[in-house]
Amino acid sequence: MKKIWKATLFTLIFTGFGHFYLGFVKEGIIFFLIELLINILILLYYPLALLYLITRVVALFRVYKLHKRVMVK
């Protein structure tokens, strides 16, 4: 049984890792690559830091929704 707090913690540490934990590898890779790209862009243009926060919030929301789907199975 997967724990929502573990998935959330993994997502907070590295975006996408909570998805890996829940078994959604493709979506986890996508979120991880998006965060990596945003971090590179932030080095070039600092105001893009808002995208980083938006990505984190979206990833946390998706982990919550995916956890519900996993628990139904």
C-alpha atoms as a PDB file:
ATOM      1  CA  MET A   1       0.000   0.000   0.000  1.00  0.00           C
ATOM      2  CA  LYS A   2       1.460   3.327  -1.083  1.00  0.00           C
ATOM      3  CA  LYS A   3       1.522   6.169   1.433  1.00  0.00           C
ATOM      4  CA  ILE A   4       0.485   9.663   0.314  1.00  0.00           C
ATOM      5  CA  TRP A   5       2.945  11.307   2.703  1.00  0.00           C
ATOM      6  CA  LYS A   6       5.845   9.391   1.126  1.00  0.00           C
ATOM      7  CA  ALA A   7       4.782  10.356  -2.395  1.00  0.00           C
ATOM      8  CA  THR A   8       4.450  13.991  -1.302  1.00  0.00           C
ATOM      9  CA  LEU A   9       7.828  13.973   0.421  1.00  0.00           C
ATOM     10  CA  PHE A  10       9.518  12.456  -2.629  1.00  0.00           C
ATOM     11  CA  THR A  11       7.889  15.103  -4.831  1.00  0.00           C
ATOM     12  CA  LEU A  12       9.070  17.892  -2.540  1.00  0.00           C
ATOM     13  CA  ILE A  13      12.640  16.551  -2.590  1.00  0.00           C
ATOM     14  CA  PHE A  14      12.748  16.050  -6.380  1.00  0.00           C
ATOM     15  CA  THR A  15       9.822  16.786  -8.624  1.00  0.00           C
ATOM     16  CA  GLY A  16       8.782  13.578 -10.344  1.00  0.00           C
ATOM     17  CA  PHE A  17      10.049  11.143  -7.709  1.00  0.00           C
ATOM     18  CA  GLY A  18       6.618  10.861  -6.103  1.00  0.00           C
ATOM     19  CA  HIS A  19       5.302   9.764  -9.478  1.00  0.00           C
ATOM     20  CA  PHE A  20       8.030   7.111  -9.666  1.00  0.00           C
ATOM     21  CA  TYR A  21       7.016   5.897  -6.217  1.00  0.00           C
ATOM     22  CA  LEU A  22       3.384   5.559  -7.314  1.00  0.00           C
ATOM     23  CA  GLY A  23       4.408   3.698 -10.480  1.00  0.00           C
ATOM     24  CA  PHE A  24       3.817   6.492 -13.010  1.00  0.00           C
ATOM     25  CA  VAL A  25       7.318   6.507 -14.462  1.00  0.00           C
ATOM     26  CA  LYS A  26       6.601   8.406 -17.705  1.00  0.00           C
ATOM     27  CA  GLU A  27       4.879  11.247 -15.893  1.00  0.00           C
ATOM     28  CA  GLY A  28       7.687  11.321 -13.305  1.00  0.00           C
ATOM     29  CA  ILE A  29      10.307  11.624 -16.037  1.00  0.00           C
ATOM     30  CA  ILE A  30       8.347  14.425 -17.688  1.00  0.00           C
ATOM     31  CA  PHE A  31       8.066  16.418 -14.439  1.00  0.00           C
ATOM     32  CA  PHE A  32      11.737  15.809 -13.625  1.00  0.00           C
ATOM     33  CA  LEU A  33      12.868  16.997 -17.075  1.00  0.00           C
ATOM     34  CA  ILE A  34      10.616  20.061 -16.916  1.00  0.00           C
ATOM     35  CA  GLU A  35      12.101  21.002 -13.544  1.00  0.00           C
ATOM     36  CA  LEU A  36      15.629  20.449 -14.849  1.00  0.00           C
ATOM     37  CA  LEU A  37      14.938  22.698 -17.863  1.00  0.00           C
ATOM     38  CA  ILE A  38      13.393  25.388 -15.667  1.00  0.00           C
ATOM     39  CA  ASN A  39      16.408  25.309 -13.327  1.00  0.00           C
ATOM     40  CA  ILE A  40      18.725  25.835 -16.294  1.00  0.00           C
ATOM     41  CA  LEU A  41      16.569  28.708 -17.560  1.00  0.00           C
ATOM     42  CA  ILE A  42      16.523  30.305 -14.097  1.00  0.00           C
ATOM     43  CA  LEU A  43      20.310  30.533 -14.258  1.00  0.00           C
ATOM     44  CA  LEU A  44      19.916  32.548 -17.465  1.00  0.00           C
ATOM     45  CA  TYR A  45      16.897  34.626 -16.466  1.00  0.00           C
ATOM     46  CA  TYR A  46      15.990  34.774 -12.761  1.00  0.00           C
ATOM     47  CA  PRO A  47      12.310  35.884 -13.045  1.00  0.00           C
ATOM     48  CA  LEU A  48      11.505  32.425 -14.397  1.00  0.00           C
ATOM     49  CA  ALA A  49      11.721  31.199 -10.799  1.00  0.00           C
ATOM     50  CA  LEU A  50       7.936  31.521 -10.706  1.00  0.00           C
ATOM     51  CA  LEU A  51       7.754  28.634 -13.193  1.00  0.00           C
ATOM     52  CA  TYR A  52       9.677  26.509 -10.706  1.00  0.00           C
ATOM     53  CA  LEU A  53       7.048  27.118  -8.034  1.00  0.00           C
ATOM     54  CA  ILE A  54       4.208  26.468 -10.463  1.00  0.00           C
ATOM     55  CA  THR A  55       5.802  23.176 -11.532  1.00  0.00           C
ATOM     56  CA  ARG A  56       6.146  22.090  -7.890  1.00  0.00           C
ATOM     57  CA  VAL A  57       2.497  22.891  -7.118  1.00  0.00           C
ATOM     58  CA  VAL A  58       1.254  21.078 -10.234  1.00  0.00           C
ATOM     59  CA  ALA A  59       3.437  18.048  -9.450  1.00  0.00           C
ATOM     60  CA  LEU A  60       2.126  17.888  -5.872  1.00  0.00           C
ATOM     61  CA  PHE A  61      -1.460  18.122  -7.101  1.00  0.00           C
ATOM     62  CA  ARG A  62      -0.855  15.336  -9.638  1.00  0.00           C
ATOM     63  CA  VAL A  63       0.719  13.092  -6.979  1.00  0.00           C
ATOM     64  CA  TYR A  64      -2.351  13.582  -4.804  1.00  0.00           C
ATOM     65  CA  LYS A  65      -4.695  12.712  -7.682  1.00  0.00           C
ATOM     66  CA  LEU A  66      -2.595   9.722  -8.804  1.00  0.00           C
ATOM     67  CA  HIS A  67      -2.478   8.402  -5.239  1.00  0.00           C
ATOM     68  CA  LYS A  68      -6.268   8.288  -5.234  1.00  0.00           C
ATOM     69  CA  ARG A  69      -6.186   6.341  -8.529  1.00  0.00           C
ATOM     70  CA  VAL A  70      -3.625   3.877  -7.154  1.00  0.00           C
ATOM     71  CA  MET A  71      -5.639   3.322  -3.988  1.00  0.00           C
ATOM     72  CA  VAL A  72      -8.798   2.498  -6.003  1.00  0.00           C
ATOM     73  CA  LYS A  73      -7.031  -0.285  -7.924  1.00  0.00           C
END
